[in-house]
């Protein structure tokens, strides 16, 4: 078998200092949350990590009110896939 192409899929999750987990996605991206389809109105999806959001799992800014503190950073997940020709 001969590799036809090699594609690397990746996902980056940013940990905002003292704030939410953030997925950078194009504005207008649709996603499903608990069976309900929603559309991003911004170019990112912010997920609560302070535990105080009234919109869990989405961030509502509560981390600012409670003085949540946590380090910033990022997590990058890469999945490599190779499609092969039969033979």
Protein backbone atom coordinates (compact mmCIF):
# COMPACT_ATOMS: atom_id res chain seq x y z
CA UNK A 1 0.00 0.00 0.00
CA UNK A 2 1.19 3.49 -0.86
CA UNK A 3 0.17 6.52 1.21
CA UNK A 4 -2.09 8.79 -0.84
CA UNK A 5 -1.73 11.76 1.52
CA UNK A 6 -0.92 12.57 5.10
CA UNK A 7 -3.22 14.90 7.01
CA UNK A 8 -2.76 16.18 10.54
CA UNK A 9 -5.86 17.24 12.46
CA UNK A 10 -5.32 19.42 15.50
CA UNK A 11 -7.33 21.07 18.24
CA UNK A 12 -5.99 23.81 20.49
CA UNK A 13 -7.55 24.66 23.83
CA UNK A 14 -6.29 27.85 25.47
CA UNK A 15 -6.38 28.30 29.23
CA UNK A 16 -6.90 32.02 29.76
CA UNK A 17 -5.11 33.30 32.86
CA UNK A 18 -7.70 33.53 35.65
CA UNK A 19 -10.41 32.71 33.09
CA UNK A 20 -12.12 30.12 30.91
CA UNK A 21 -10.96 27.41 28.55
CA UNK A 22 -11.17 28.75 25.00
CA UNK A 23 -11.57 26.97 21.68
CA UNK A 24 -10.77 29.22 18.71
CA UNK A 25 -13.36 28.50 16.04
CA UNK A 26 -14.69 30.53 13.12
CA UNK A 27 -17.61 32.83 13.88
CA UNK A 28 -20.78 31.14 12.67
CA UNK A 29 -19.61 27.64 13.62
CA UNK A 30 -22.51 25.50 14.78
CA UNK A 31 -22.30 23.10 17.70
CA UNK A 32 -24.72 20.96 19.64
CA UNK A 33 -25.08 21.37 23.39
CA UNK A 34 -27.42 18.99 25.21
CA UNK A 35 -29.32 18.27 22.00
CA UNK A 36 -29.74 21.94 21.06
CA UNK A 37 -27.95 23.34 18.00
CA UNK A 38 -26.28 26.69 18.64
CA UNK A 39 -24.23 29.06 16.48
CA UNK A 40 -21.15 30.96 17.62
CA UNK A 41 -21.59 34.72 17.47
CA UNK A 42 -17.88 35.24 18.21
CA UNK A 43 -14.73 33.59 16.87
CA UNK A 44 -14.30 31.41 19.94
CA UNK A 45 -16.13 29.15 22.38
CA UNK A 46 -15.40 29.85 26.07
CA UNK A 47 -15.94 27.05 28.57
CA UNK A 48 -16.26 27.64 32.32
CA UNK A 49 -13.45 26.38 34.52
CA UNK A 50 -14.24 28.34 37.69
CA UNK A 51 -17.43 26.37 38.38
CA UNK A 52 -19.63 29.42 38.99
CA UNK A 53 -21.14 30.09 35.56
CA UNK A 54 -24.92 30.19 35.37
CA UNK A 55 -24.57 28.93 31.76
CA UNK A 56 -22.37 25.85 32.38
CA UNK A 57 -20.54 24.49 30.55
CA UNK A 58 -20.30 27.89 28.83
CA UNK A 59 -18.52 30.82 30.49
CA UNK A 60 -20.63 33.78 31.60
CA UNK A 61 -17.83 35.89 33.12
CA UNK A 62 -18.44 34.76 36.71
CA UNK A 63 -14.71 34.11 37.15
CA UNK A 64 -14.17 37.88 37.32
CA UNK A 65 -16.78 38.36 40.07
CA UNK A 66 -15.41 35.62 42.32
CA UNK A 67 -11.71 36.37 41.81
CA UNK A 68 -10.95 33.00 40.20
CA UNK A 69 -7.22 32.39 39.82
CA UNK A 70 -5.51 29.85 37.60
CA UNK A 71 -2.49 29.75 35.35
CA UNK A 72 -2.76 30.29 31.63
CA UNK A 73 -1.51 27.87 29.00
CA UNK A 74 -2.64 25.72 26.15
CA UNK A 75 -3.28 22.11 25.23
CA UNK A 76 -2.74 20.98 21.65
CA UNK A 77 -4.08 17.63 20.45
CA UNK A 78 -2.85 16.32 17.12
CA UNK A 79 -4.20 13.27 15.34
CA UNK A 80 -2.33 12.08 12.30
CA UNK A 81 -4.13 10.00 9.69
CA UNK A 82 -2.87 8.45 6.50
CA UNK A 83 -5.23 7.35 3.77
CA UNK A 84 -3.76 4.54 1.72
CA UNK A 85 -4.39 3.20 -1.75
CA UNK A 86 -5.57 -0.42 -1.86
CA UNK A 87 -3.36 -2.88 -3.64
